[in-house]
N, C-alpha and C. Protein backbone atom coordinates (compact mmCIF):
# COMPACT_ATOMS: atom_id res chain seq x y z
N MET A 1 -24.20 -29.67 -1.53
CA MET A 1 -25.43 -28.94 -1.70
C MET A 1 -25.38 -28.06 -2.95
N GLU A 2 -26.52 -27.83 -3.55
CA GLU A 2 -26.60 -27.03 -4.78
C GLU A 2 -26.20 -25.57 -4.55
N THR A 3 -26.61 -24.99 -3.45
CA THR A 3 -26.26 -23.58 -3.19
C THR A 3 -24.77 -23.40 -3.00
N GLU A 4 -24.11 -24.37 -2.39
CA GLU A 4 -22.67 -24.27 -2.20
C GLU A 4 -21.94 -24.34 -3.54
N ARG A 5 -22.46 -25.18 -4.44
CA ARG A 5 -21.86 -25.29 -5.76
C ARG A 5 -22.01 -23.99 -6.55
N ILE A 6 -23.18 -23.39 -6.45
CA ILE A 6 -23.43 -22.12 -7.15
C ILE A 6 -22.59 -21.01 -6.53
N ALA A 7 -22.60 -20.90 -5.21
CA ALA A 7 -21.85 -19.83 -4.54
C ALA A 7 -20.35 -19.93 -4.78
N GLY A 8 -19.86 -21.11 -5.00
CA GLY A 8 -18.43 -21.29 -5.23
C GLY A 8 -18.01 -21.13 -6.68
N HIS A 9 -18.96 -20.99 -7.57
CA HIS A 9 -18.66 -20.91 -8.99
C HIS A 9 -18.08 -19.52 -9.32
N ALA A 10 -17.08 -19.52 -10.19
CA ALA A 10 -16.41 -18.26 -10.56
C ALA A 10 -17.35 -17.29 -11.26
N LEU A 11 -18.24 -17.78 -12.11
CA LEU A 11 -19.19 -16.90 -12.79
C LEU A 11 -20.16 -16.25 -11.82
N PHE A 12 -20.59 -17.01 -10.82
CA PHE A 12 -21.49 -16.44 -9.82
C PHE A 12 -20.80 -15.34 -9.03
N ARG A 13 -19.55 -15.59 -8.64
CA ARG A 13 -18.81 -14.56 -7.90
C ARG A 13 -18.61 -13.31 -8.77
N ARG A 14 -18.35 -13.51 -10.04
CA ARG A 14 -18.19 -12.38 -10.98
C ARG A 14 -19.50 -11.61 -11.10
N LEU A 15 -20.61 -12.31 -11.25
CA LEU A 15 -21.93 -11.68 -11.36
C LEU A 15 -22.24 -10.89 -10.10
N ALA A 16 -22.02 -11.48 -8.94
CA ALA A 16 -22.30 -10.79 -7.68
C ALA A 16 -21.41 -9.56 -7.52
N PHE A 17 -20.14 -9.67 -7.90
CA PHE A 17 -19.21 -8.55 -7.80
C PHE A 17 -19.63 -7.40 -8.70
N GLU A 18 -19.96 -7.70 -9.95
CA GLU A 18 -20.36 -6.64 -10.89
C GLU A 18 -21.66 -5.98 -10.47
N ARG A 19 -22.59 -6.77 -9.97
CA ARG A 19 -23.86 -6.21 -9.52
C ARG A 19 -23.66 -5.31 -8.31
N ARG A 20 -22.83 -5.76 -7.37
CA ARG A 20 -22.54 -4.98 -6.17
C ARG A 20 -21.82 -3.68 -6.53
N CYS A 21 -20.87 -3.75 -7.44
CA CYS A 21 -20.13 -2.54 -7.85
C CYS A 21 -21.04 -1.55 -8.56
N LEU A 22 -21.85 -2.05 -9.47
CA LEU A 22 -22.78 -1.17 -10.18
C LEU A 22 -23.73 -0.48 -9.22
N GLY A 23 -24.33 -1.24 -8.34
CA GLY A 23 -25.25 -0.66 -7.36
C GLY A 23 -24.57 0.33 -6.45
N GLY A 24 -23.35 0.01 -6.03
CA GLY A 24 -22.61 0.90 -5.15
C GLY A 24 -22.25 2.21 -5.81
N VAL A 25 -21.78 2.14 -7.04
CA VAL A 25 -21.40 3.37 -7.76
C VAL A 25 -22.62 4.25 -8.00
N LEU A 26 -23.70 3.66 -8.44
CA LEU A 26 -24.91 4.45 -8.72
C LEU A 26 -25.52 5.02 -7.44
N ALA A 27 -25.50 4.25 -6.38
CA ALA A 27 -26.02 4.74 -5.10
C ALA A 27 -25.15 5.88 -4.57
N PHE A 28 -23.84 5.74 -4.70
CA PHE A 28 -22.94 6.81 -4.25
C PHE A 28 -23.16 8.08 -5.06
N ALA A 29 -23.33 7.94 -6.37
CA ALA A 29 -23.57 9.11 -7.22
C ALA A 29 -24.86 9.82 -6.81
N MET A 30 -25.92 9.06 -6.59
CA MET A 30 -27.20 9.67 -6.20
C MET A 30 -27.09 10.34 -4.84
N ALA A 31 -26.45 9.66 -3.90
CA ALA A 31 -26.30 10.23 -2.55
C ALA A 31 -25.46 11.49 -2.58
N ALA A 32 -24.39 11.51 -3.36
CA ALA A 32 -23.52 12.68 -3.43
C ALA A 32 -24.27 13.89 -3.99
N VAL A 33 -25.02 13.68 -5.06
CA VAL A 33 -25.77 14.78 -5.66
C VAL A 33 -26.87 15.25 -4.72
N TYR A 34 -27.56 14.32 -4.10
CA TYR A 34 -28.64 14.68 -3.18
C TYR A 34 -28.11 15.44 -1.97
N PHE A 35 -27.03 14.96 -1.36
CA PHE A 35 -26.49 15.64 -0.19
C PHE A 35 -25.90 17.00 -0.54
N ALA A 36 -25.35 17.13 -1.73
CA ALA A 36 -24.87 18.45 -2.17
C ALA A 36 -26.05 19.43 -2.26
N TYR A 37 -27.17 18.97 -2.77
CA TYR A 37 -28.37 19.79 -2.85
C TYR A 37 -28.87 20.17 -1.46
N ILE A 38 -28.95 19.20 -0.57
CA ILE A 38 -29.42 19.46 0.79
C ILE A 38 -28.47 20.39 1.53
N LEU A 39 -27.17 20.18 1.38
CA LEU A 39 -26.20 21.06 2.05
C LEU A 39 -26.27 22.48 1.49
N THR A 40 -26.54 22.62 0.21
CA THR A 40 -26.72 23.95 -0.37
C THR A 40 -27.95 24.63 0.22
N ILE A 41 -29.02 23.88 0.38
CA ILE A 41 -30.23 24.43 0.99
C ILE A 41 -29.96 24.83 2.44
N ALA A 42 -29.17 24.02 3.15
CA ALA A 42 -28.92 24.28 4.56
C ALA A 42 -27.99 25.47 4.78
N PHE A 43 -26.94 25.58 3.97
CA PHE A 43 -25.91 26.56 4.26
C PHE A 43 -25.88 27.77 3.33
N ARG A 44 -26.39 27.65 2.12
CA ARG A 44 -26.42 28.77 1.18
C ARG A 44 -27.74 28.81 0.43
N PRO A 45 -28.86 28.95 1.14
CA PRO A 45 -30.15 28.91 0.44
C PRO A 45 -30.34 30.07 -0.54
N SER A 46 -29.60 31.14 -0.34
CA SER A 46 -29.74 32.27 -1.26
C SER A 46 -29.29 31.91 -2.67
N LEU A 47 -28.39 30.95 -2.80
CA LEU A 47 -27.95 30.53 -4.13
C LEU A 47 -29.09 29.93 -4.94
N LEU A 48 -29.94 29.20 -4.27
CA LEU A 48 -31.04 28.55 -4.97
C LEU A 48 -32.28 29.44 -5.09
N GLY A 49 -32.23 30.57 -4.42
CA GLY A 49 -33.37 31.49 -4.48
C GLY A 49 -33.26 32.52 -5.60
N VAL A 50 -32.20 32.47 -6.35
CA VAL A 50 -31.99 33.42 -7.44
C VAL A 50 -32.86 33.02 -8.63
N PRO A 51 -33.59 33.98 -9.20
CA PRO A 51 -34.40 33.66 -10.38
C PRO A 51 -33.53 33.21 -11.55
N VAL A 52 -34.10 32.36 -12.40
CA VAL A 52 -33.37 31.85 -13.55
C VAL A 52 -32.98 32.98 -14.50
N HIS A 53 -33.89 33.93 -14.72
CA HIS A 53 -33.58 35.14 -15.48
C HIS A 53 -34.44 36.27 -14.92
N ALA A 54 -34.16 37.47 -15.35
CA ALA A 54 -34.87 38.64 -14.82
C ALA A 54 -36.37 38.50 -15.04
N ASN A 55 -37.13 38.94 -14.05
CA ASN A 55 -38.60 38.92 -14.07
C ASN A 55 -39.17 37.50 -14.15
N SER A 56 -38.45 36.51 -13.66
CA SER A 56 -38.93 35.14 -13.66
C SER A 56 -39.34 34.74 -12.25
N VAL A 57 -40.38 33.94 -12.15
CA VAL A 57 -40.78 33.43 -10.84
C VAL A 57 -40.12 32.09 -10.56
N VAL A 58 -39.49 31.50 -11.57
CA VAL A 58 -38.81 30.21 -11.42
C VAL A 58 -37.39 30.47 -10.92
N THR A 59 -37.05 29.82 -9.81
CA THR A 59 -35.71 30.00 -9.25
C THR A 59 -34.82 28.82 -9.60
N TRP A 60 -33.52 28.99 -9.34
CA TRP A 60 -32.57 27.91 -9.59
C TRP A 60 -32.84 26.71 -8.68
N GLY A 61 -33.45 26.94 -7.54
CA GLY A 61 -33.79 25.83 -6.64
C GLY A 61 -34.77 24.87 -7.28
N ILE A 62 -35.74 25.41 -7.99
CA ILE A 62 -36.72 24.56 -8.68
C ILE A 62 -36.05 23.80 -9.81
N VAL A 63 -35.22 24.49 -10.56
CA VAL A 63 -34.53 23.86 -11.68
C VAL A 63 -33.60 22.75 -11.19
N VAL A 64 -32.82 23.04 -10.16
CA VAL A 64 -31.89 22.04 -9.63
C VAL A 64 -32.65 20.87 -9.00
N GLY A 65 -33.77 21.15 -8.33
CA GLY A 65 -34.59 20.08 -7.76
C GLY A 65 -35.16 19.17 -8.83
N ALA A 66 -35.63 19.76 -9.92
CA ALA A 66 -36.13 18.95 -11.03
C ALA A 66 -35.00 18.15 -11.67
N ALA A 67 -33.82 18.76 -11.77
CA ALA A 67 -32.67 18.06 -12.32
C ALA A 67 -32.27 16.89 -11.42
N LEU A 68 -32.40 17.07 -10.12
CA LEU A 68 -32.09 16.00 -9.17
C LEU A 68 -33.03 14.81 -9.37
N LEU A 69 -34.29 15.09 -9.55
CA LEU A 69 -35.25 14.01 -9.82
C LEU A 69 -34.94 13.32 -11.15
N SER A 70 -34.61 14.11 -12.14
CA SER A 70 -34.26 13.55 -13.45
C SER A 70 -33.01 12.70 -13.36
N PHE A 71 -32.05 13.13 -12.56
CA PHE A 71 -30.82 12.37 -12.37
C PHE A 71 -31.12 10.99 -11.80
N GLY A 72 -32.08 10.92 -10.88
CA GLY A 72 -32.50 9.63 -10.33
C GLY A 72 -33.06 8.71 -11.41
N PHE A 73 -33.85 9.26 -12.31
CA PHE A 73 -34.40 8.47 -13.41
C PHE A 73 -33.29 8.01 -14.36
N VAL A 74 -32.32 8.88 -14.61
CA VAL A 74 -31.20 8.52 -15.49
C VAL A 74 -30.39 7.38 -14.86
N LEU A 75 -30.12 7.48 -13.57
CA LEU A 75 -29.37 6.42 -12.90
C LEU A 75 -30.14 5.09 -12.94
N THR A 76 -31.45 5.17 -12.78
CA THR A 76 -32.27 3.97 -12.86
C THR A 76 -32.20 3.37 -14.27
N ALA A 77 -32.25 4.23 -15.28
CA ALA A 77 -32.16 3.75 -16.66
C ALA A 77 -30.80 3.10 -16.92
N ILE A 78 -29.74 3.67 -16.36
CA ILE A 78 -28.41 3.09 -16.51
C ILE A 78 -28.37 1.71 -15.87
N TYR A 79 -28.94 1.59 -14.67
CA TYR A 79 -28.95 0.30 -13.99
C TYR A 79 -29.71 -0.74 -14.82
N VAL A 80 -30.86 -0.36 -15.32
CA VAL A 80 -31.68 -1.29 -16.11
C VAL A 80 -30.95 -1.69 -17.37
N LEU A 81 -30.31 -0.74 -18.03
CA LEU A 81 -29.58 -1.04 -19.25
C LEU A 81 -28.44 -2.03 -18.99
N VAL A 82 -27.66 -1.77 -17.96
CA VAL A 82 -26.54 -2.68 -17.64
C VAL A 82 -27.07 -4.03 -17.17
N ALA A 83 -28.11 -4.01 -16.34
CA ALA A 83 -28.66 -5.27 -15.84
C ALA A 83 -29.23 -6.12 -16.97
N ASN A 84 -29.89 -5.47 -17.93
CA ASN A 84 -30.51 -6.22 -19.02
C ASN A 84 -29.51 -6.69 -20.08
N THR A 85 -28.35 -6.10 -20.09
CA THR A 85 -27.35 -6.53 -21.07
C THR A 85 -26.27 -7.37 -20.40
N ARG A 86 -25.43 -6.76 -19.63
CA ARG A 86 -24.26 -7.44 -19.05
C ARG A 86 -24.65 -8.46 -17.98
N LEU A 87 -25.47 -8.04 -17.01
CA LEU A 87 -25.77 -8.94 -15.88
C LEU A 87 -26.66 -10.10 -16.30
N ASP A 88 -27.61 -9.84 -17.19
CA ASP A 88 -28.45 -10.95 -17.68
C ASP A 88 -27.63 -11.94 -18.50
N ALA A 89 -26.67 -11.43 -19.26
CA ALA A 89 -25.82 -12.33 -20.05
C ALA A 89 -24.97 -13.21 -19.12
N LEU A 90 -24.43 -12.61 -18.07
CA LEU A 90 -23.66 -13.40 -17.11
C LEU A 90 -24.54 -14.43 -16.41
N SER A 91 -25.74 -14.02 -16.05
CA SER A 91 -26.67 -14.93 -15.38
C SER A 91 -27.05 -16.09 -16.30
N TRP A 92 -27.32 -15.80 -17.57
CA TRP A 92 -27.67 -16.85 -18.52
C TRP A 92 -26.50 -17.80 -18.71
N HIS A 93 -25.31 -17.24 -18.83
CA HIS A 93 -24.11 -18.08 -19.01
C HIS A 93 -23.88 -18.97 -17.77
N LEU A 94 -24.13 -18.42 -16.60
CA LEU A 94 -24.00 -19.19 -15.36
C LEU A 94 -25.01 -20.34 -15.34
N GLN A 95 -26.24 -20.07 -15.71
CA GLN A 95 -27.26 -21.11 -15.74
C GLN A 95 -26.89 -22.21 -16.72
N GLU A 96 -26.41 -21.82 -17.88
CA GLU A 96 -26.01 -22.82 -18.88
C GLU A 96 -24.83 -23.66 -18.39
N THR A 97 -23.91 -23.04 -17.70
CA THR A 97 -22.74 -23.75 -17.20
C THR A 97 -23.11 -24.73 -16.10
N LEU A 98 -24.06 -24.36 -15.27
CA LEU A 98 -24.42 -25.21 -14.12
C LEU A 98 -25.34 -26.35 -14.50
N GLN A 99 -25.95 -26.32 -15.66
CA GLN A 99 -26.87 -27.41 -16.04
C GLN A 99 -26.15 -28.58 -16.63
């Protein structure tokens, strides 16, 4: 069968491994940063309630929350960059090899 031939190919296994590792590392990074933020809110909310500077209405909680959202966009950009360069090249090479 065609799927068995593809699944058994060394390039396919390499592509699947790299994609799984990339996704796992990026997901772990996002989860770690997010849970650190949530745990800070749960156990030390006063840390995030401190104003950024004197007479400011903006607190560190807002800044860190915005940074958390930005971090998600950065991780997405990293995934897209790696997927469009390394993973697409492996996929193209696999297609060429199997034809």
